[in-house]
Amino acid sequence: MDHPPTKNMKGFTLVELIVVIIVVAIMSLYAASKFIGVSQFSAQAAQQQGIAVIRQIQLGRMQSNIEDTDTLHDRYQLVITGKCLGSKQACSSDTNEPFSHKVVIEEQDMSFNPPLNIDFDLLGNPVICTTPNGSTHTCSDPVQIHVASSAESELICINSQGYVYGC
């Protein structure tokens, strides 16, 4: 039996076709996620990011060993405003510089309540809560922070021992 010569045969192998199909599928999934819109998990993402930011501020305060009146204290004070949850330094900054100690969810309109400033002691416990009108009081147990997007809302709690969790 004579087989036709294979040197002039052109085409793709099955393996090459499968690889191309997989690559095109991955690229189309990525592109589709950009066009579908914002995920419904934005409040949950903000809650998880908020917990991490609060723990980072607490840890920084615990390691700082500085007086409360020092200028560096702005880095270790938690600020909750309508549009910001993070350190006082990050929330009061006028620059577009990214801060790791501030909740940022891209392309989301997030809100945070109640408006408070929370000071932590050197053990990471919330000790002083200051309202926007300037009144100070000891932080209640637990401090509840409402994180809301347009579709859903979540809670972050800080108990009197400084444990931060989603409640």
Protein backbone atom coordinates (compact mmCIF):
# COMPACT_ATOMS: atom_id res chain seq x y z
CA MET A 1 0.00 0.00 0.00
CA ASP A 2 1.24 3.32 -1.01
CA HIS A 3 0.51 6.26 1.24
CA PRO A 4 0.48 9.74 -0.18
CA PRO A 5 3.51 11.83 0.73
CA THR A 6 2.94 13.85 3.92
CA LYS A 7 5.37 16.67 3.25
CA ASN A 8 2.83 18.80 1.43
CA MET A 9 -0.02 18.27 3.90
CA LYS A 10 -0.95 21.46 5.77
CA GLY A 11 -3.12 21.98 8.84
CA PHE A 12 -3.18 21.92 12.60
CA THR A 13 -2.82 18.99 14.93
CA LEU A 14 -5.52 18.17 17.43
CA VAL A 15 -3.32 19.32 20.32
CA GLU A 16 -2.77 22.72 18.70
CA LEU A 17 -6.49 23.19 18.14
CA ILE A 18 -7.32 22.29 21.76
CA VAL A 19 -4.70 24.73 23.10
CA VAL A 20 -6.05 27.56 20.94
CA ILE A 21 -9.64 26.83 22.03
CA ILE A 22 -8.63 26.89 25.70
CA VAL A 23 -6.74 30.18 25.32
CA VAL A 24 -9.67 31.80 23.49
CA ALA A 25 -12.07 30.56 26.18
CA ILE A 26 -9.95 32.05 28.98
CA MET A 27 -9.67 35.38 27.19
CA SER A 28 -13.41 35.49 26.51
CA LEU A 29 -14.23 34.78 30.18
CA TYR A 30 -11.95 37.62 31.24
CA ALA A 31 -13.49 40.01 28.71
CA ALA A 32 -17.03 38.96 29.61
CA SER A 33 -16.41 39.67 33.30
CA LYS A 34 -15.40 43.22 32.41
CA PHE A 35 -18.59 43.80 30.40
CA ILE A 36 -21.05 42.12 32.76
CA GLY A 37 -20.56 44.76 35.41
CA VAL A 38 -19.83 44.94 39.09
CA SER A 39 -20.15 41.82 41.16
CA GLN A 40 -22.88 41.48 43.76
CA PHE A 41 -20.21 40.60 46.31
CA SER A 42 -18.90 44.15 46.66
CA ALA A 43 -20.21 44.65 50.23
CA GLN A 44 -18.71 41.31 51.25
CA ALA A 45 -15.41 42.28 49.63
CA ALA A 46 -15.50 45.63 51.44
CA GLN A 47 -16.27 43.83 54.72
CA GLN A 48 -13.28 41.52 54.31
CA GLN A 49 -11.04 44.39 53.25
CA GLY A 50 -12.33 46.47 56.18
CA ILE A 51 -11.51 43.70 58.65
CA ALA A 52 -7.98 43.49 57.23
CA VAL A 53 -7.53 47.29 57.34
CA ILE A 54 -8.73 47.51 60.96
CA ARG A 55 -6.42 44.67 61.99
CA GLN A 56 -3.54 46.39 60.20
CA ILE A 57 -4.22 49.66 62.06
CA GLN A 58 -4.47 47.76 65.36
CA LEU A 59 -1.24 45.89 64.73
CA GLY A 60 0.56 49.09 63.80
CA ARG A 61 -0.69 50.72 67.01
CA MET A 62 0.39 47.72 69.09
CA GLN A 63 3.87 47.86 67.59
CA SER A 64 4.20 51.64 67.66
CA ASN A 65 4.71 52.22 71.39
CA ILE A 66 4.22 55.96 70.85
CA GLU A 67 2.33 58.59 72.78
CA ASP A 68 -1.20 59.44 71.66
CA THR A 69 -0.19 63.06 71.01
CA ASP A 70 2.52 62.21 68.47
CA THR A 71 1.87 63.15 64.86
CA LEU A 72 2.37 59.54 63.79
CA HIS A 73 -0.76 58.66 65.73
CA ASP A 74 -2.90 59.58 62.69
CA ARG A 75 -1.64 56.36 61.12
CA TYR A 76 -2.98 54.33 64.04
CA GLN A 77 -6.42 55.90 64.52
CA LEU A 78 -9.40 54.28 62.77
CA VAL A 79 -11.69 56.73 60.99
CA ILE A 80 -15.18 55.86 59.78
CA THR A 81 -16.87 58.45 57.59
CA GLY A 82 -19.64 58.13 55.05
CA LYS A 83 -17.16 57.38 52.25
CA CYS A 84 -14.01 56.20 54.04
CA LEU A 85 -12.99 53.39 56.36
CA GLY A 86 -9.30 53.49 57.19
CA SER A 87 -6.62 55.31 59.11
CA LYS A 88 -6.98 59.03 59.81
CA GLN A 89 -3.92 59.62 57.64
CA ALA A 90 -5.41 57.79 54.63
CA CYS A 91 -8.94 59.22 54.95
CA SER A 92 -7.77 62.82 55.30
CA SER A 93 -5.22 62.68 52.47
CA ASP A 94 -5.83 64.94 49.47
CA THR A 95 -3.54 62.99 47.16
CA ASN A 96 -4.52 60.14 44.86
CA GLU A 97 -1.76 58.08 46.41
CA PRO A 98 -2.94 54.52 47.18
CA PHE A 99 -3.04 53.59 50.85
CA SER A 100 -2.98 50.03 52.14
CA HIS A 101 -4.74 51.15 55.31
CA LYS A 102 -7.96 52.28 53.65
CA VAL A 103 -10.88 50.32 52.15
CA VAL A 104 -10.96 50.79 48.38
CA ILE A 105 -13.37 48.93 46.13
CA GLU A 106 -12.91 50.13 42.56
CA GLU A 107 -15.94 51.41 40.68
CA GLN A 108 -18.13 51.07 43.78
CA ASP A 109 -20.13 53.57 45.74
CA MET A 110 -19.61 52.27 49.27
CA SER A 111 -20.86 53.86 52.48
CA PHE A 112 -19.72 53.29 56.07
CA ASN A 113 -21.65 54.08 59.27
CA PRO A 114 -21.66 55.27 62.04
CA PRO A 115 -19.18 58.11 61.65
CA LEU A 116 -16.57 57.56 64.37
CA ASN A 117 -12.90 57.92 65.19
CA ILE A 118 -11.61 54.97 67.20
CA ASP A 119 -8.39 55.04 69.21
CA PHE A 120 -6.72 51.77 70.13
CA ASP A 121 -4.49 51.17 73.13
CA LEU A 122 -1.17 49.35 72.95
CA LEU A 123 -3.01 46.02 73.34
CA GLY A 124 -5.19 46.69 70.29
CA ASN A 125 -8.33 47.32 72.34
CA PRO A 126 -10.68 50.11 71.21
CA VAL A 127 -10.61 52.60 74.08
CA ILE A 128 -11.93 55.96 72.90
CA CYS A 129 -14.64 56.58 70.30
CA THR A 130 -15.06 60.13 69.06
CA THR A 131 -18.13 61.27 67.14
CA PRO A 132 -17.95 63.98 64.41
CA ASN A 133 -19.32 66.60 66.81
CA GLY A 134 -16.31 66.00 69.07
CA SER A 135 -17.91 64.09 71.94
CA THR A 136 -15.80 61.23 73.23
CA HIS A 137 -16.89 58.11 75.07
CA THR A 138 -15.59 54.65 75.78
CA CYS A 139 -16.28 52.28 72.92
CA SER A 140 -19.32 50.08 73.44
CA ASP A 141 -19.13 46.33 73.10
CA PRO A 142 -19.18 45.59 70.21
CA VAL A 143 -18.60 48.55 67.93
CA GLN A 144 -20.67 47.80 64.82
CA ILE A 145 -19.66 49.26 61.47
CA HIS A 146 -22.21 49.09 58.64
CA VAL A 147 -20.70 48.58 55.19
CA ALA A 148 -23.19 49.14 52.39
CA SER A 149 -23.16 49.13 48.60
CA SER A 150 -26.08 49.83 46.32
CA ALA A 151 -27.15 46.16 46.41
CA GLU A 152 -26.33 44.84 49.89
CA SER A 153 -24.87 45.60 53.30
CA GLU A 154 -22.63 43.83 55.79
CA LEU A 155 -21.46 44.43 59.36
CA ILE A 156 -18.00 44.58 60.92
CA CYS A 157 -17.77 44.25 64.70
CA ILE A 158 -14.94 45.13 67.07
CA ASN A 159 -15.39 43.74 70.59
CA SER A 160 -13.92 45.27 73.76
CA GLN A 161 -10.87 43.00 73.53
CA GLY A 162 -10.08 44.25 70.01
CA TYR A 163 -11.26 41.17 68.10
CA VAL A 164 -12.44 42.25 64.63
CA TYR A 165 -14.93 40.03 62.81
CA GLY A 166 -17.83 40.00 60.40
CA CYS A 167 -21.07 39.92 62.35
